[in-house]
Amino acid sequence: MEEGVRIMLFLNIAQGSLEESRYYLILANDLGYGDTSKLLLDLEEVSKLLDSYINAIEKHR
């Protein structure tokens, strides 16, 4: 498998994990386990970085 394909596969899995984390943070907040707003803001920042990295790789392919 080509290196670029492996990287994109890894990043796609990372995006899925990020969205799963977002779901559980929202659920934890809804169930009253604590305030997850700071974690959700951090997660959003990571999401933007990941999206930018994926876009940069796709642009140079």
N, C-alpha and C. Protein backbone atom coordinates (compact mmCIF):
# COMPACT_ATOMS: atom_id res chain seq x y z
N MET A 1 0.84 -1.18 0.00
CA MET A 1 0.00 0.00 0.00
C MET A 1 0.89 1.24 0.00
N GLU A 2 0.53 2.20 -0.81
CA GLU A 2 1.29 3.44 -0.93
C GLU A 2 1.27 4.23 0.39
N GLU A 3 2.39 4.90 0.66
CA GLU A 3 2.53 5.66 1.91
C GLU A 3 1.43 6.69 2.09
N GLY A 4 1.11 7.43 1.04
CA GLY A 4 0.07 8.44 1.13
C GLY A 4 -1.29 7.86 1.45
N VAL A 5 -1.57 6.68 0.91
CA VAL A 5 -2.84 6.01 1.18
C VAL A 5 -2.89 5.59 2.65
N ARG A 6 -1.79 5.08 3.16
CA ARG A 6 -1.75 4.68 4.58
C ARG A 6 -1.95 5.87 5.50
N ILE A 7 -1.34 6.99 5.17
CA ILE A 7 -1.50 8.20 5.99
C ILE A 7 -2.95 8.66 5.98
N MET A 8 -3.57 8.68 4.79
CA MET A 8 -4.96 9.12 4.70
C MET A 8 -5.89 8.16 5.44
N LEU A 9 -5.60 6.88 5.40
CA LEU A 9 -6.39 5.90 6.15
C LEU A 9 -6.27 6.16 7.64
N PHE A 10 -5.05 6.40 8.10
CA PHE A 10 -4.82 6.70 9.51
C PHE A 10 -5.58 7.96 9.93
N LEU A 11 -5.53 9.00 9.10
CA LEU A 11 -6.20 10.25 9.42
C LEU A 11 -7.72 10.09 9.42
N ASN A 12 -8.22 9.24 8.52
CA ASN A 12 -9.65 8.97 8.50
C ASN A 12 -10.09 8.27 9.78
N ILE A 13 -9.29 7.34 10.25
CA ILE A 13 -9.58 6.66 11.52
C ILE A 13 -9.51 7.66 12.66
N ALA A 14 -8.55 8.57 12.62
CA ALA A 14 -8.43 9.60 13.65
C ALA A 14 -9.67 10.49 13.67
N GLN A 15 -10.20 10.83 12.50
CA GLN A 15 -11.43 11.63 12.45
C GLN A 15 -12.59 10.87 13.08
N GLY A 16 -12.69 9.59 12.80
CA GLY A 16 -13.75 8.79 13.40
C GLY A 16 -13.63 8.74 14.91
N SER A 17 -12.43 8.58 15.41
CA SER A 17 -12.20 8.55 16.86
C SER A 17 -12.53 9.90 17.48
N LEU A 18 -12.19 10.96 16.79
CA LEU A 18 -12.50 12.30 17.28
C LEU A 18 -14.01 12.50 17.40
N GLU A 19 -14.76 12.06 16.39
CA GLU A 19 -16.22 12.20 16.43
C GLU A 19 -16.83 11.31 17.52
N GLU A 20 -16.27 10.16 17.74
CA GLU A 20 -16.73 9.30 18.83
C GLU A 20 -16.49 9.98 20.18
N SER A 21 -15.34 10.61 20.32
CA SER A 21 -15.04 11.34 21.55
C SER A 21 -16.00 12.49 21.75
N ARG A 22 -16.34 13.19 20.66
CA ARG A 22 -17.29 14.30 20.73
C ARG A 22 -18.65 13.78 21.25
N TYR A 23 -19.09 12.66 20.70
CA TYR A 23 -20.36 12.06 21.12
C TYR A 23 -20.36 11.76 22.62
N TYR A 24 -19.29 11.14 23.11
CA TYR A 24 -19.24 10.78 24.53
C TYR A 24 -19.13 12.00 25.44
N LEU A 25 -18.47 13.04 24.98
CA LEU A 25 -18.41 14.26 25.78
C LEU A 25 -19.79 14.92 25.88
N ILE A 26 -20.52 14.94 24.77
CA ILE A 26 -21.88 15.49 24.79
C ILE A 26 -22.77 14.64 25.69
N LEU A 27 -22.66 13.33 25.58
CA LEU A 27 -23.45 12.42 26.41
C LEU A 27 -23.14 12.62 27.89
N ALA A 28 -21.86 12.70 28.22
CA ALA A 28 -21.47 12.89 29.62
C ALA A 28 -22.03 14.20 30.18
N ASN A 29 -22.00 15.24 29.36
CA ASN A 29 -22.56 16.52 29.78
C ASN A 29 -24.07 16.41 29.97
N ASP A 30 -24.75 15.78 29.02
CA ASP A 30 -26.21 15.63 29.10
C ASP A 30 -26.63 14.80 30.31
N LEU A 31 -25.82 13.82 30.68
CA LEU A 31 -26.14 12.98 31.83
C LEU A 31 -25.73 13.61 33.15
N GLY A 32 -25.11 14.77 33.08
CA GLY A 32 -24.76 15.50 34.29
C GLY A 32 -23.49 15.02 34.97
N TYR A 33 -22.62 14.35 34.23
CA TYR A 33 -21.37 13.88 34.83
C TYR A 33 -20.34 14.98 35.03
N GLY A 34 -20.59 16.12 34.43
CA GLY A 34 -19.67 17.24 34.60
C GLY A 34 -19.74 18.16 33.40
N ASP A 35 -19.10 19.29 33.53
CA ASP A 35 -19.05 20.27 32.45
C ASP A 35 -17.94 19.88 31.48
N THR A 36 -18.32 19.59 30.26
CA THR A 36 -17.35 19.17 29.26
C THR A 36 -17.06 20.26 28.24
N SER A 37 -17.51 21.48 28.51
CA SER A 37 -17.38 22.55 27.52
C SER A 37 -15.92 22.84 27.15
N LYS A 38 -15.02 22.83 28.13
CA LYS A 38 -13.60 23.08 27.82
C LYS A 38 -13.02 21.95 26.95
N LEU A 39 -13.39 20.73 27.28
CA LEU A 39 -12.92 19.60 26.47
C LEU A 39 -13.47 19.65 25.05
N LEU A 40 -14.73 20.07 24.92
CA LEU A 40 -15.32 20.19 23.59
C LEU A 40 -14.63 21.28 22.78
N LEU A 41 -14.23 22.37 23.43
CA LEU A 41 -13.48 23.41 22.73
C LEU A 41 -12.11 22.89 22.28
N ASP A 42 -11.45 22.13 23.14
CA ASP A 42 -10.17 21.53 22.78
C ASP A 42 -10.34 20.55 21.63
N LEU A 43 -11.40 19.77 21.69
CA LEU A 43 -11.68 18.79 20.64
C LEU A 43 -11.94 19.50 19.31
N GLU A 44 -12.63 20.62 19.35
CA GLU A 44 -12.89 21.39 18.13
C GLU A 44 -11.59 21.91 17.52
N GLU A 45 -10.67 22.34 18.36
CA GLU A 45 -9.36 22.80 17.87
C GLU A 45 -8.60 21.65 17.20
N VAL A 46 -8.61 20.49 17.82
CA VAL A 46 -7.94 19.33 17.24
C VAL A 46 -8.61 18.95 15.92
N SER A 47 -9.93 19.04 15.87
CA SER A 47 -10.66 18.74 14.65
C SER A 47 -10.24 19.67 13.51
N LYS A 48 -10.11 20.95 13.80
CA LYS A 48 -9.69 21.92 12.78
C LYS A 48 -8.27 21.62 12.30
N LEU A 49 -7.39 21.28 13.22
CA LEU A 49 -6.01 20.93 12.84
C LEU A 49 -5.97 19.70 11.96
N LEU A 50 -6.74 18.70 12.34
CA LEU A 50 -6.80 17.45 11.57
C LEU A 50 -7.35 17.72 10.17
N ASP A 51 -8.43 18.49 10.09
CA ASP A 51 -9.00 18.83 8.79
C ASP A 51 -8.00 19.59 7.91
N SER A 52 -7.29 20.52 8.51
CA SER A 52 -6.29 21.29 7.75
C SER A 52 -5.18 20.39 7.24
N TYR A 53 -4.75 19.47 8.08
CA TYR A 53 -3.69 18.54 7.68
C TYR A 53 -4.16 17.65 6.53
N ILE A 54 -5.37 17.14 6.62
CA ILE A 54 -5.91 16.30 5.56
C ILE A 54 -6.04 17.10 4.27
N ASN A 55 -6.55 18.32 4.36
CA ASN A 55 -6.69 19.16 3.16
C ASN A 55 -5.34 19.44 2.52
N ALA A 56 -4.32 19.70 3.33
CA ALA A 56 -2.99 19.98 2.79
C ALA A 56 -2.42 18.75 2.07
N ILE A 57 -2.63 17.59 2.65
CA ILE A 57 -2.14 16.36 2.01
C ILE A 57 -2.87 16.12 0.70
N GLU A 58 -4.19 16.27 0.71
CA GLU A 58 -4.97 16.06 -0.53
C GLU A 58 -4.58 17.06 -1.61
N LYS A 59 -4.27 18.27 -1.20
CA LYS A 59 -3.89 19.31 -2.17
C LYS A 59 -2.58 18.97 -2.88
N HIS A 60 -1.69 18.28 -2.20
CA HIS A 60 -0.37 17.97 -2.75
C HIS A 60 -0.29 16.57 -3.37
N ARG A 61 -1.42 15.92 -3.51
CA ARG A 61 -1.41 14.57 -4.11
C ARG A 61 -1.54 14.65 -5.59
